[in-house]
Amino acid sequence: MKDCLFCKIAAGEIPSNKLYEDDQILVFHDIDPQAPVHFLVIPKEHIDSAACLTEENAPLIGHVYATIARLAKGLGVDESGYRVVTNVGEDGGQSVKHLHFHVLAKRSLAWPPG
């Protein structure tokens, strides 16, 4: 999608502070971190939100979560804990209409959020 911020980042048209990249996903540090560790995981394929996922996307989502687990271990937050958040729609707090996962760690993340 040509107007999508995250598609442009995935294509390398807009720079990002990359943490990991492969042929399916890009992981980069959030530009407005809400925790000492805060990175985003985006699929390179444009998917509007989690509401648009189908069973066909299961391998991609499995890859996303396996990568998050590997990165969390590498960053030393696998044992202390981390939160993975996917916002859907305006009321859910989604500001970029491209499926993405926020990973936050290294601070207490009380529940409920907000």
PDB file of N, CA and C in Angstrom:
ATOM      1  N   MET A   1       0.856  -1.173   0.000  1.00  0.00           N
ATOM      2  CA  MET A   1       0.000   0.000   0.000  1.00  0.00           C
ATOM      3  C   MET A   1       0.905   1.240   0.000  1.00  0.00           C
ATOM      4  N   LYS A   2       0.769   2.080  -0.967  1.00  0.00           N
ATOM      5  CA  LYS A   2       1.743   3.152  -1.165  1.00  0.00           C
ATOM      6  C   LYS A   2       1.684   4.280  -0.136  1.00  0.00           C
ATOM      7  N   ASP A   3       0.559   4.495   0.536  1.00  0.00           N
ATOM      8  CA  ASP A   3       0.455   5.566   1.527  1.00  0.00           C
ATOM      9  C   ASP A   3       0.803   5.109   2.944  1.00  0.00           C
ATOM     10  N   CYS A   4       1.066   3.841   3.127  1.00  0.00           N
ATOM     11  CA  CYS A   4       1.242   3.270   4.461  1.00  0.00           C
ATOM     12  C   CYS A   4       2.642   3.536   5.008  1.00  0.00           C
ATOM     13  N   LEU A   5       2.706   4.150   6.186  1.00  0.00           N
ATOM     14  CA  LEU A   5       3.975   4.459   6.839  1.00  0.00           C
ATOM     15  C   LEU A   5       4.818   3.204   7.044  1.00  0.00           C
ATOM     16  N   PHE A   6       4.213   2.137   7.562  1.00  0.00           N
ATOM     17  CA  PHE A   6       4.984   0.934   7.845  1.00  0.00           C
ATOM     18  C   PHE A   6       5.406   0.205   6.577  1.00  0.00           C
ATOM     19  N   CYS A   7       4.621   0.282   5.524  1.00  0.00           N
ATOM     20  CA  CYS A   7       5.051  -0.293   4.235  1.00  0.00           C
ATOM     21  C   CYS A   7       6.291   0.450   3.731  1.00  0.00           C
ATOM     22  N   LYS A   8       6.312   1.767   3.914  1.00  0.00           N
ATOM     23  CA  LYS A   8       7.467   2.563   3.498  1.00  0.00           C
ATOM     24  C   LYS A   8       8.696   2.231   4.343  1.00  0.00           C
ATOM     25  N   ILE A   9       8.500   2.008   5.631  1.00  0.00           N
ATOM     26  CA  ILE A   9       9.617   1.615   6.497  1.00  0.00           C
ATOM     27  C   ILE A   9      10.126   0.239   6.078  1.00  0.00           C
ATOM     28  N   ALA A  10       9.213  -0.703   5.840  1.00  0.00           N
ATOM     29  CA  ALA A  10       9.597  -2.058   5.429  1.00  0.00           C
ATOM     30  C   ALA A  10      10.345  -2.051   4.098  1.00  0.00           C
ATOM     31  N   ALA A  11       9.982  -1.132   3.220  1.00  0.00           N
ATOM     32  CA  ALA A  11      10.631  -1.035   1.911  1.00  0.00           C
ATOM     33  C   ALA A  11      11.959  -0.271   1.974  1.00  0.00           C
ATOM     34  N   GLY A  12      12.279   0.292   3.128  1.00  0.00           N
ATOM     35  CA  GLY A  12      13.517   1.047   3.269  1.00  0.00           C
ATOM     36  C   GLY A  12      13.420   2.481   2.787  1.00  0.00           C
ATOM     37  N   GLU A  13      12.209   2.940   2.476  1.00  0.00           N
ATOM     38  CA  GLU A  13      12.010   4.319   2.011  1.00  0.00           C
ATOM     39  C   GLU A  13      12.093   5.314   3.164  1.00  0.00           C
ATOM     40  N   ILE A  14      11.787   4.848   4.362  1.00  0.00           N
ATOM     41  CA  ILE A  14      11.877   5.663   5.574  1.00  0.00           C
ATOM     42  C   ILE A  14      12.801   4.907   6.521  1.00  0.00           C
ATOM     43  N   PRO A  15      13.817   5.575   7.062  1.00  0.00           N
ATOM     44  CA  PRO A  15      14.769   4.866   7.937  1.00  0.00           C
ATOM     45  C   PRO A  15      14.127   4.447   9.261  1.00  0.00           C
ATOM     46  N   SER A  16      14.682   3.386   9.826  1.00  0.00           N
ATOM     47  CA  SER A  16      14.257   2.925  11.151  1.00  0.00           C
ATOM     48  C   SER A  16      15.479   2.381  11.875  1.00  0.00           C
ATOM     49  N   ASN A  17      15.366   2.271  13.164  1.00  0.00           N
ATOM     50  CA  ASN A  17      16.423   1.699  13.987  1.00  0.00           C
ATOM     51  C   ASN A  17      16.146   0.197  14.086  1.00  0.00           C
ATOM     52  N   LYS A  18      16.616  -0.548  13.093  1.00  0.00           N
ATOM     53  CA  LYS A  18      16.307  -1.970  12.970  1.00  0.00           C
ATOM     54  C   LYS A  18      16.941  -2.798  14.068  1.00  0.00           C
ATOM     55  N   LEU A  19      16.141  -3.737  14.534  1.00  0.00           N
ATOM     56  CA  LEU A  19      16.600  -4.706  15.518  1.00  0.00           C
ATOM     57  C   LEU A  19      16.753  -6.081  14.859  1.00  0.00           C
ATOM     58  N   TYR A  20      15.898  -6.358  13.853  1.00  0.00           N
ATOM     59  CA  TYR A  20      15.907  -7.645  13.154  1.00  0.00           C
ATOM     60  C   TYR A  20      15.128  -7.485  11.850  1.00  0.00           C
ATOM     61  N   GLU A  21      15.535  -8.269  10.846  1.00  0.00           N
ATOM     62  CA  GLU A  21      14.807  -8.268   9.583  1.00  0.00           C
ATOM     63  C   GLU A  21      15.028  -9.597   8.889  1.00  0.00           C
ATOM     64  N   ASP A  22      13.967 -10.102   8.261  1.00  0.00           N
ATOM     65  CA  ASP A  22      14.077 -11.252   7.370  1.00  0.00           C
ATOM     66  C   ASP A  22      13.116 -11.032   6.208  1.00  0.00           C
ATOM     67  N   ASP A  23      12.837 -12.053   5.439  1.00  0.00           N
ATOM     68  CA  ASP A  23      11.998 -11.864   4.257  1.00  0.00           C
ATOM     69  C   ASP A  23      10.523 -11.640   4.580  1.00  0.00           C
ATOM     70  N   GLN A  24      10.089 -11.939   5.815  1.00  0.00           N
ATOM     71  CA  GLN A  24       8.678 -11.803   6.183  1.00  0.00           C
ATOM     72  C   GLN A  24       8.359 -10.632   7.098  1.00  0.00           C
ATOM     73  N   ILE A  25       9.314 -10.295   7.976  1.00  0.00           N
ATOM     74  CA  ILE A  25       9.029  -9.284   9.001  1.00  0.00           C
ATOM     75  C   ILE A  25      10.191  -8.313   9.177  1.00  0.00           C
ATOM     76  N   LEU A  26       9.865  -7.184   9.779  1.00  0.00           N
ATOM     77  CA  LEU A  26      10.860  -6.192  10.169  1.00  0.00           C
ATOM     78  C   LEU A  26      10.595  -5.841  11.630  1.00  0.00           C
ATOM     79  N   VAL A  27      11.662  -5.743  12.411  1.00  0.00           N
ATOM     80  CA  VAL A  27      11.563  -5.374  13.821  1.00  0.00           C
ATOM     81  C   VAL A  27      12.422  -4.128  14.023  1.00  0.00           C
ATOM     82  N   PHE A  28      11.835  -3.110  14.637  1.00  0.00           N
ATOM     83  CA  PHE A  28      12.583  -1.876  14.861  1.00  0.00           C
ATOM     84  C   PHE A  28      12.141  -1.220  16.163  1.00  0.00           C
ATOM     85  N   HIS A  29      13.039  -0.392  16.714  1.00  0.00           N
ATOM     86  CA  HIS A  29      12.751   0.302  17.959  1.00  0.00           C
ATOM     87  C   HIS A  29      11.692   1.374  17.733  1.00  0.00           C
ATOM     88  N   ASP A  30      10.770   1.506  18.672  1.00  0.00           N
ATOM     89  CA  ASP A  30       9.712   2.514  18.603  1.00  0.00           C
ATOM     90  C   ASP A  30      10.333   3.904  18.742  1.00  0.00           C
ATOM     91  N   ILE A  31       9.855   4.857  17.963  1.00  0.00           N
ATOM     92  CA  ILE A  31      10.409   6.218  18.019  1.00  0.00           C
ATOM     93  C   ILE A  31       9.915   6.996  19.244  1.00  0.00           C
ATOM     94  N   ASP A  32       8.861   6.495  19.895  1.00  0.00           N
ATOM     95  CA  ASP A  32       8.329   7.124  21.110  1.00  0.00           C
ATOM     96  C   ASP A  32       8.154   6.037  22.169  1.00  0.00           C
ATOM     97  N   PRO A  33       9.269   5.514  22.687  1.00  0.00           N
ATOM     98  CA  PRO A  33       9.177   4.346  23.574  1.00  0.00           C
ATOM     99  C   PRO A  33       8.386   4.618  24.851  1.00  0.00           C
ATOM    100  N   GLN A  34       7.566   3.639  25.204  1.00  0.00           N
ATOM    101  CA  GLN A  34       6.761   3.711  26.416  1.00  0.00           C
ATOM    102  C   GLN A  34       7.336   2.842  27.532  1.00  0.00           C
ATOM    103  N   ALA A  35       8.489   2.245  27.273  1.00  0.00           N
ATOM    104  CA  ALA A  35       9.206   1.423  28.248  1.00  0.00           C
ATOM    105  C   ALA A  35      10.676   1.424  27.843  1.00  0.00           C
ATOM    106  N   PRO A  36      11.577   1.074  28.761  1.00  0.00           N
ATOM    107  CA  PRO A  36      12.990   1.027  28.399  1.00  0.00           C
ATOM    108  C   PRO A  36      13.291   0.122  27.199  1.00  0.00           C
ATOM    109  N   VAL A  37      12.544  -0.952  27.068  1.00  0.00           N
ATOM    110  CA  VAL A  37      12.591  -1.778  25.857  1.00  0.00           C
ATOM    111  C   VAL A  37      11.231  -1.632  25.199  1.00  0.00           C
ATOM    112  N   HIS A  38      11.199  -1.127  23.977  1.00  0.00           N
ATOM    113  CA  HIS A  38       9.950  -0.971  23.224  1.00  0.00           C
ATOM    114  C   HIS A  38      10.284  -1.059  21.745  1.00  0.00           C
ATOM    115  N   PHE A  39       9.908  -2.182  21.160  1.00  0.00           N
ATOM    116  CA  PHE A  39      10.123  -2.342  19.729  1.00  0.00           C
ATOM    117  C   PHE A  39       8.844  -2.796  19.044  1.00  0.00           C
ATOM    118  N   LEU A  40       8.809  -2.595  17.746  1.00  0.00           N
ATOM    119  CA  LEU A  40       7.657  -2.970  16.924  1.00  0.00           C
ATOM    120  C   LEU A  40       8.046  -4.101  15.993  1.00  0.00           C
ATOM    121  N   VAL A  41       7.095  -4.992  15.771  1.00  0.00           N
ATOM    122  CA  VAL A  41       7.260  -6.073  14.804  1.00  0.00           C
ATOM    123  C   VAL A  41       6.169  -5.893  13.760  1.00  0.00           C
ATOM    124  N   ILE A  42       6.578  -5.771  12.496  1.00  0.00           N
ATOM    125  CA  ILE A  42       5.598  -5.600  11.417  1.00  0.00           C
ATOM    126  C   ILE A  42       5.828  -6.651  10.341  1.00  0.00           C
ATOM    127  N   PRO A  43       4.740  -7.176   9.780  1.00  0.00           N
ATOM    128  CA  PRO A  43       4.920  -8.016   8.597  1.00  0.00           C
ATOM    129  C   PRO A  43       5.242  -7.114   7.411  1.00  0.00           C
ATOM    130  N   LYS A  44       6.049  -7.612   6.494  1.00  0.00           N
ATOM    131  CA  LYS A  44       6.357  -6.820   5.303  1.00  0.00           C
ATOM    132  C   LYS A  44       5.158  -6.760   4.358  1.00  0.00           C
ATOM    133  N   GLU A  45       4.341  -7.780   4.407  1.00  0.00           N
ATOM    134  CA  GLU A  45       3.086  -7.794   3.640  1.00  0.00           C
ATOM    135  C   GLU A  45       2.104  -6.864   4.342  1.00  0.00           C
ATOM    136  N   HIS A  46       1.412  -6.020   3.569  1.00  0.00           N
ATOM    137  CA  HIS A  46       0.445  -5.120   4.189  1.00  0.00           C
ATOM    138  C   HIS A  46      -0.802  -5.894   4.598  1.00  0.00           C
ATOM    139  N   ILE A  47      -1.089  -5.838   5.898  1.00  0.00           N
ATOM    140  CA  ILE A  47      -2.327  -6.351   6.476  1.00  0.00           C
ATOM    141  C   ILE A  47      -2.833  -5.216   7.355  1.00  0.00           C
ATOM    142  N   ASP A  48      -4.068  -4.791   7.163  1.00  0.00           N
ATOM    143  CA  ASP A  48      -4.575  -3.619   7.880  1.00  0.00           C
ATOM    144  C   ASP A  48      -4.509  -3.746   9.395  1.00  0.00           C
ATOM    145  N   SER A  49      -4.949  -4.864   9.940  1.00  0.00           N
ATOM    146  CA  SER A  49      -4.960  -5.054  11.398  1.00  0.00           C
ATOM    147  C   SER A  49      -5.188  -6.524  11.707  1.00  0.00           C
ATOM    148  N   ALA A  50      -5.163  -6.858  12.988  1.00  0.00           N
ATOM    149  CA  ALA A  50      -5.422  -8.234  13.416  1.00  0.00           C
ATOM    150  C   ALA A  50      -6.837  -8.670  13.027  1.00  0.00           C
ATOM    151  N   ALA A  51      -7.740  -7.725  12.846  1.00  0.00           N
ATOM    152  CA  ALA A  51      -9.115  -8.049  12.442  1.00  0.00           C
ATOM    153  C   ALA A  51      -9.173  -8.629  11.032  1.00  0.00           C
ATOM    154  N   CYS A  52      -8.124  -8.446  10.264  1.00  0.00           N
ATOM    155  CA  CYS A  52      -8.087  -8.924   8.875  1.00  0.00           C
ATOM    156  C   CYS A  52      -7.377 -10.272   8.744  1.00  0.00           C
ATOM    157  N   LEU A  53      -6.898 -10.829   9.841  1.00  0.00           N
ATOM    158  CA  LEU A  53      -6.166 -12.088   9.773  1.00  0.00           C
ATOM    159  C   LEU A  53      -7.100 -13.258   9.473  1.00  0.00           C
ATOM    160  N   THR A  54      -6.549 -14.247   8.767  1.00  0.00           N
ATOM    161  CA  THR A  54      -7.274 -15.477   8.474  1.00  0.00           C
ATOM    162  C   THR A  54      -6.396 -16.658   8.864  1.00  0.00           C
ATOM    163  N   GLU A  55      -6.921 -17.848   8.757  1.00  0.00           N
ATOM    164  CA  GLU A  55      -6.148 -19.057   9.041  1.00  0.00           C
ATOM    165  C   GLU A  55      -4.898 -19.128   8.159  1.00  0.00           C
ATOM    166  N   GLU A  56      -4.961 -18.557   6.974  1.00  0.00           N
ATOM    167  CA  GLU A  56      -3.809 -18.567   6.068  1.00  0.00           C
ATOM    168  C   GLU A  56      -2.631 -17.773   6.626  1.00  0.00           C
ATOM    169  N   ASN A  57      -2.887 -16.862   7.544  1.00  0.00           N
ATOM    170  CA  ASN A  57      -1.829 -16.055   8.147  1.00  0.00           C
ATOM    171  C   ASN A  57      -1.170 -16.734   9.344  1.00  0.00           C
ATOM    172  N   ALA A  58      -1.635 -17.915   9.721  1.00  0.00           N
ATOM    173  CA  ALA A  58      -1.116 -18.597  10.916  1.00  0.00           C
ATOM    174  C   ALA A  58       0.408 -18.782  10.885  1.00  0.00           C
ATOM    175  N   PRO A  59       1.013 -19.209   9.774  1.00  0.00           N
ATOM    176  CA  PRO A  59       2.475 -19.344   9.772  1.00  0.00           C
ATOM    177  C   PRO A  59       3.191 -18.003  10.024  1.00  0.00           C
ATOM    178  N   LEU A  60       2.683 -16.928   9.470  1.00  0.00           N
ATOM    179  CA  LEU A  60       3.276 -15.607   9.679  1.00  0.00           C
ATOM    180  C   LEU A  60       3.192 -15.207  11.149  1.00  0.00           C
ATOM    181  N   ILE A  61       2.033 -15.384  11.750  1.00  0.00           N
ATOM    182  CA  ILE A  61       1.859 -14.983  13.150  1.00  0.00           C
ATOM    183  C   ILE A  61       2.708 -15.862  14.066  1.00  0.00           C
ATOM    184  N   GLY A  62       2.827 -17.138  13.759  1.00  0.00           N
ATOM    185  CA  GLY A  62       3.724 -18.006  14.510  1.00  0.00           C
ATOM    186  C   GLY A  62       5.162 -17.522  14.423  1.00  0.00           C
ATOM    187  N   HIS A  63       5.567 -17.111  13.230  1.00  0.00           N
ATOM    188  CA  HIS A  63       6.916 -16.583  13.025  1.00  0.00           C
ATOM    189  C   HIS A  63       7.123 -15.290  13.817  1.00  0.00           C
ATOM    190  N   VAL A  64       6.114 -14.425  13.836  1.00  0.00           N
ATOM    191  CA  VAL A  64       6.193 -13.178  14.607  1.00  0.00           C
ATOM    192  C   VAL A  64       6.453 -13.489  16.080  1.00  0.00           C
ATOM    193  N   TYR A  65       5.646 -14.383  16.653  1.00  0.00           N
ATOM    194  CA  TYR A  65       5.791 -14.674  18.079  1.00  0.00           C
ATOM    195  C   TYR A  65       7.075 -15.433  18.395  1.00  0.00           C
ATOM    196  N   ALA A  66       7.519 -16.309  17.523  1.00  0.00           N
ATOM    197  CA  ALA A  66       8.796 -17.002  17.735  1.00  0.00           C
ATOM    198  C   ALA A  66       9.949 -16.003  17.698  1.00  0.00           C
ATOM    199  N   THR A  67       9.873 -15.032  16.808  1.00  0.00           N
ATOM    200  CA  THR A  67      10.903 -14.002  16.725  1.00  0.00           C
ATOM    201  C   THR A  67      10.890 -13.119  17.963  1.00  0.00           C
ATOM    202  N   ILE A  68       9.700 -12.755  18.432  1.00  0.00           N
ATOM    203  CA  ILE A  68       9.596 -11.961  19.655  1.00  0.00           C
ATOM    204  C   ILE A  68      10.245 -12.721  20.812  1.00  0.00           C
ATOM    205  N   ALA A  69       9.958 -14.002  20.945  1.00  0.00           N
ATOM    206  CA  ALA A  69      10.531 -14.797  22.043  1.00  0.00           C
ATOM    207  C   ALA A  69      12.055 -14.835  21.952  1.00  0.00           C
ATOM    208  N   ARG A  70      12.582 -15.010  20.744  1.00  0.00           N
ATOM    209  CA  ARG A  70      14.038 -15.047  20.550  1.00  0.00           C
ATOM    210  C   ARG A  70      14.679 -13.701  20.878  1.00  0.00           C
ATOM    211  N   LEU A  71      14.055 -12.618  20.423  1.00  0.00           N
ATOM    212  CA  LEU A  71      14.588 -11.282  20.705  1.00  0.00           C
ATOM    213  C   LEU A  71      14.494 -10.949  22.195  1.00  0.00           C
ATOM    214  N   ALA A  72      13.398 -11.324  22.841  1.00  0.00           N
ATOM    215  CA  ALA A  72      13.242 -11.082  24.276  1.00  0.00           C
ATOM    216  C   ALA A  72      14.342 -11.793  25.047  1.00  0.00           C
ATOM    217  N   LYS A  73      14.656 -13.012  24.639  1.00  0.00           N
ATOM    218  CA  LYS A  73      15.736 -13.740  25.296  1.00  0.00           C
ATOM    219  C   LYS A  73      17.065 -13.021  25.061  1.00  0.00           C
ATOM    220  N   GLY A  74      17.323 -12.596  23.829  1.00  0.00           N
ATOM    221  CA  GLY A  74      18.560 -11.895  23.499  1.00  0.00           C
ATOM    222  C   GLY A  74      18.710 -10.575  24.237  1.00  0.00           C
ATOM    223  N   LEU A  75      17.587  -9.925  24.537  1.00  0.00           N
ATOM    224  CA  LEU A  75      17.617  -8.647  25.258  1.00  0.00           C
ATOM    225  C   LEU A  75      17.570  -8.847  26.773  1.00  0.00           C
ATOM    226  N   GLY A  76      17.485 -10.095  27.202  1.00  0.00           N
ATOM    227  CA  GLY A  76      17.492 -10.390  28.627  1.00  0.00           C
ATOM    228  C   GLY A  76      16.206 -10.085  29.359  1.00  0.00           C
ATOM    229  N   VAL A  77      15.084 -10.070  28.658  1.00  0.00           N
ATOM    230  CA  VAL A  77      13.804  -9.783  29.308  1.00  0.00           C
ATOM    231  C   VAL A  77      12.867 -10.991  29.304  1.00  0.00           C
ATOM    232  N   ASP A  78      13.370 -12.133  28.848  1.00  0.00           N
ATOM    233  CA  ASP A  78      12.515 -13.320  28.767  1.00  0.00           C
ATOM    234  C   ASP A  78      12.084 -13.813  30.146  1.00  0.00           C
ATOM    235  N   GLU A  79      12.926 -13.666  31.144  1.00  0.00           N
ATOM    236  CA  GLU A  79      12.575 -14.147  32.480  1.00  0.00           C
ATOM    237  C   GLU A  79      11.847 -13.093  33.310  1.00  0.00           C
ATOM    238  N   SER A  80      12.223 -11.823  33.163  1.00  0.00           N
ATOM    239  CA  SER A  80      11.562 -10.760  33.935  1.00  0.00           C
ATOM    240  C   SER A  80      10.180 -10.450  33.368  1.00  0.00           C
ATOM    241  N   GLY A  81       9.996 -10.680  32.085  1.00  0.00           N
ATOM    242  CA  GLY A  81       8.687 -10.511  31.459  1.00  0.00           C
ATOM    243  C   GLY A  81       8.611  -9.353  30.490  1.00  0.00           C
ATOM    244  N   TYR A  82       7.627  -9.445  29.615  1.00  0.00           N
ATOM    245  CA  TYR A  82       7.383  -8.426  28.603  1.00  0.00           C
ATOM    246  C   TYR A  82       5.928  -8.503  28.179  1.00  0.00           C
ATOM    247  N   ARG A  83       5.473  -7.474  27.519  1.00  0.00           N
ATOM    248  CA  ARG A  83       4.089  -7.428  27.030  1.00  0.00           C
ATOM    249  C   ARG A  83       4.106  -7.274  25.519  1.00  0.00           C
ATOM    250  N   VAL A  84       3.203  -7.997  24.861  1.00  0.00           N
ATOM    251  CA  VAL A  84       3.008  -7.881  23.418  1.00  0.00           C
ATOM    252  C   VAL A  84       1.603  -7.324  23.216  1.00  0.00           C
ATOM    253  N   VAL A  85       1.500  -6.202  22.495  1.00  0.00           N
ATOM    254  CA  VAL A  85       0.224  -5.519  22.290  1.00  0.00           C
ATOM    255  C   VAL A  85      -0.024  -5.332  20.799  1.00  0.00           C
ATOM    256  N   THR A  86      -1.231  -5.651  20.375  1.00  0.00           N
ATOM    257  CA  THR A  86      -1.675  -5.373  19.014  1.00  0.00           C
ATOM    258  C   THR A  86      -2.972  -4.590  19.114  1.00  0.00           C
ATOM    259  N   ASN A  87      -2.960  -3.353  18.666  1.00  0.00           N
ATOM    260  CA  ASN A  87      -4.153  -2.519  18.701  1.00  0.00           C
ATOM    261  C   ASN A  87      -4.944  -2.717  17.403  1.00  0.00           C
ATOM    262  N   VAL A  88      -6.267  -2.682  17.537  1.00  0.00           N
ATOM    263  CA  VAL A  88      -7.137  -2.861  16.373  1.00  0.00           C
ATOM    264  C   VAL A  88      -8.152  -1.723  16.323  1.00  0.00           C
ATOM    265  N   GLY A  89      -8.127  -0.963  15.253  1.00  0.00           N
ATOM    266  CA  GLY A  89      -9.099   0.106  15.048  1.00  0.00           C
ATOM    267  C   GLY A  89      -8.858   1.326  15.916  1.00  0.00           C
ATOM    268  N   GLU A  90      -9.603   2.361  15.609  1.00  0.00           N
ATOM    269  CA  GLU A  90      -9.445   3.647  16.295  1.00  0.00           C
ATOM    270  C   GLU A  90      -9.703   3.535  17.796  1.00  0.00           C
ATOM    271  N   ASP A  91     -10.795   2.895  18.187  1.00  0.00           N
ATOM    272  CA  ASP A  91     -11.099   2.759  19.609  1.00  0.00           C
ATOM    273  C   ASP A  91     -10.095   1.867  20.330  1.00  0.00           C
ATOM    274  N   GLY A  92      -9.436   0.987  19.597  1.00  0.00           N
ATOM    275  CA  GLY A  92      -8.421   0.125  20.179  1.00  0.00           C
ATOM    276  C   GLY A  92      -7.051   0.776  20.239  1.00  0.00           C
ATOM    277  N   GLY A  93      -6.947   1.994  19.729  1.00  0.00           N
ATOM    278  CA  GLY A  93      -5.689   2.726  19.797  1.00  0.00           C
ATOM    279  C   GLY A  93      -4.763   2.515  18.612  1.00  0.00           C
ATOM    280  N   GLN A  94      -5.275   1.939  17.522  1.00  0.00           N
ATOM    281  CA  GLN A  94      -4.417   1.714  16.344  1.00  0.00           C
ATOM    282  C   GLN A  94      -4.223   3.022  15.601  1.00  0.00           C
ATOM    283  N   SER A  95      -2.981   3.498  15.541  1.00  0.00           N
ATOM    284  CA  SER A  95      -2.706   4.769  14.873  1.00  0.00           C
ATOM    285  C   SER A  95      -2.157   4.580  13.458  1.00  0.00           C
ATOM    286  N   VAL A  96      -1.593   3.419  13.167  1.00  0.00           N
ATOM    287  CA  VAL A  96      -1.111   3.107  11.819  1.00  0.00           C
ATOM    288  C   VAL A  96      -1.871   1.889  11.336  1.00  0.00           C
ATOM    289  N   LYS A  97      -2.532   2.021  10.214  1.00  0.00           N
ATOM    290  CA  LYS A  97      -3.373   0.945   9.680  1.00  0.00           C
ATOM    291  C   LYS A  97      -2.537  -0.108   8.960  1.00  0.00           C
ATOM    292  N   HIS A  98      -1.638  -0.723   9.708  1.00  0.00           N
ATOM    293  CA  HIS A  98      -0.783  -1.821   9.244  1.00  0.00           C
ATOM    294  C   HIS A  98      -0.562  -2.681  10.478  1.00  0.00           C
ATOM    295  N   LEU A  99      -0.856  -3.958  10.375  1.00  0.00           N
ATOM    296  CA  LEU A  99      -0.692  -4.858  11.512  1.00  0.00           C
ATOM    297  C   LEU A  99       0.695  -4.685  12.123  1.00  0.00           C
ATOM    298  N   HIS A 100       0.729  -4.475  13.434  1.00  0.00           N
ATOM    299  CA  HIS A 100       2.008  -4.370  14.125  1.00  0.00           C
ATOM    300  C   HIS A 100       1.842  -4.784  15.576  1.00  0.00           C
ATOM    301  N   PHE A 101       2.945  -5.223  16.131  1.00  0.00           N
ATOM    302  CA  PHE A 101       2.986  -5.724  17.492  1.00  0.00           C
ATOM    303  C   PHE A 101       3.979  -4.878  18.281  1.00  0.00           C
ATOM    304  N   HIS A 102       3.515  -4.275  19.354  1.00  0.00           N
ATOM    305  CA  HIS A 102       4.394  -3.551  20.276  1.00  0.00           C
ATOM    306  C   HIS A 102       4.918  -4.561  21.290  1.00  0.00           C
ATOM    307  N   VAL A 103       6.207  -4.533  21.544  1.00  0.00           N
ATOM    308  CA  VAL A 103       6.801  -5.356  22.594  1.00  0.00           C
ATOM    309  C   VAL A 103       7.437  -4.404  23.591  1.00  0.00           C
ATOM    310  N   LEU A 104       6.970  -4.472  24.847  1.00  0.00           N
ATOM    311  CA  LEU A 104       7.420  -3.568  25.901  1.00  0.00           C
ATOM    312  C   LEU A 104       7.984  -4.371  27.064  1.00  0.00           C
ATOM    313  N   ALA A 105       9.090  -3.874  27.640  1.00  0.00           N
ATOM    314  CA  ALA A 105       9.721  -4.574  28.751  1.00  0.00           C
ATOM    315  C   ALA A 105      10.606  -3.631  29.555  1.00  0.00           C
ATOM    316  N   LYS A 106      11.119  -4.169  30.665  1.00  0.00           N
ATOM    317  CA  LYS A 106      12.048  -3.491  31.574  1.00  0.00           C
ATOM    318  C   LYS A 106      11.378  -2.398  32.391  1.00  0.00           C
ATOM    319  N   ARG A 107      10.067  -2.533  32.609  1.00  0.00           N
ATOM    320  CA  ARG A 107       9.360  -1.729  33.585  1.00  0.00           C
ATOM    321  C   ARG A 107       8.113  -2.509  33.976  1.00  0.00           C
ATOM    322  N   SER A 108       7.535  -2.159  35.113  1.00  0.00           N
ATOM    323  CA  SER A 108       6.309  -2.817  35.543  1.00  0.00           C
ATOM    324  C   SER A 108       5.180  -2.421  34.605  1.00  0.00           C
ATOM    325  N   LEU A 109       4.476  -3.410  34.115  1.00  0.00           N
ATOM    326  CA  LEU A 109       3.351  -3.160  33.193  1.00  0.00           C
ATOM    327  C   LEU A 109       2.071  -3.638  33.875  1.00  0.00           C
ATOM    328  N   ALA A 110       1.564  -2.798  34.767  1.00  0.00           N
ATOM    329  CA  ALA A 110       0.395  -3.149  35.556  1.00  0.00           C
ATOM    330  C   ALA A 110      -0.833  -3.379  34.677  1.00  0.00           C
ATOM    331  N   TRP A 111      -1.807  -4.039  35.243  1.00  0.00           N
ATOM    332  CA  TRP A 111      -3.081  -4.281  34.545  1.00  0.00           C
ATOM    333  C   TRP A 111      -4.188  -3.793  35.435  1.00  0.00           C
ATOM    334  N   PRO A 112      -5.185  -3.120  34.956  1.00  0.00           N
ATOM    335  CA  PRO A 112      -5.395  -2.823  33.537  1.00  0.00           C
ATOM    336  C   PRO A 112      -4.517  -1.672  33.064  1.00  0.00           C
ATOM    337  N   PRO A 113      -4.255  -1.663  31.737  1.00  0.00           N
ATOM    338  CA  PRO A 113      -3.441  -0.582  31.169  1.00  0.00           C
ATOM    339  C   PRO A 113      -4.206   0.726  31.162  1.00  0.00           C
ATOM    340  N   GLY A 114      -3.495   1.800  30.880  1.00  0.00           N
ATOM    341  CA  GLY A 114      -4.158   3.069  30.703  1.00  0.00           C
ATOM    342  C   GLY A 114      -3.928   3.979  31.803  1.00  0.00           C
TER     343      GLY A 114
END
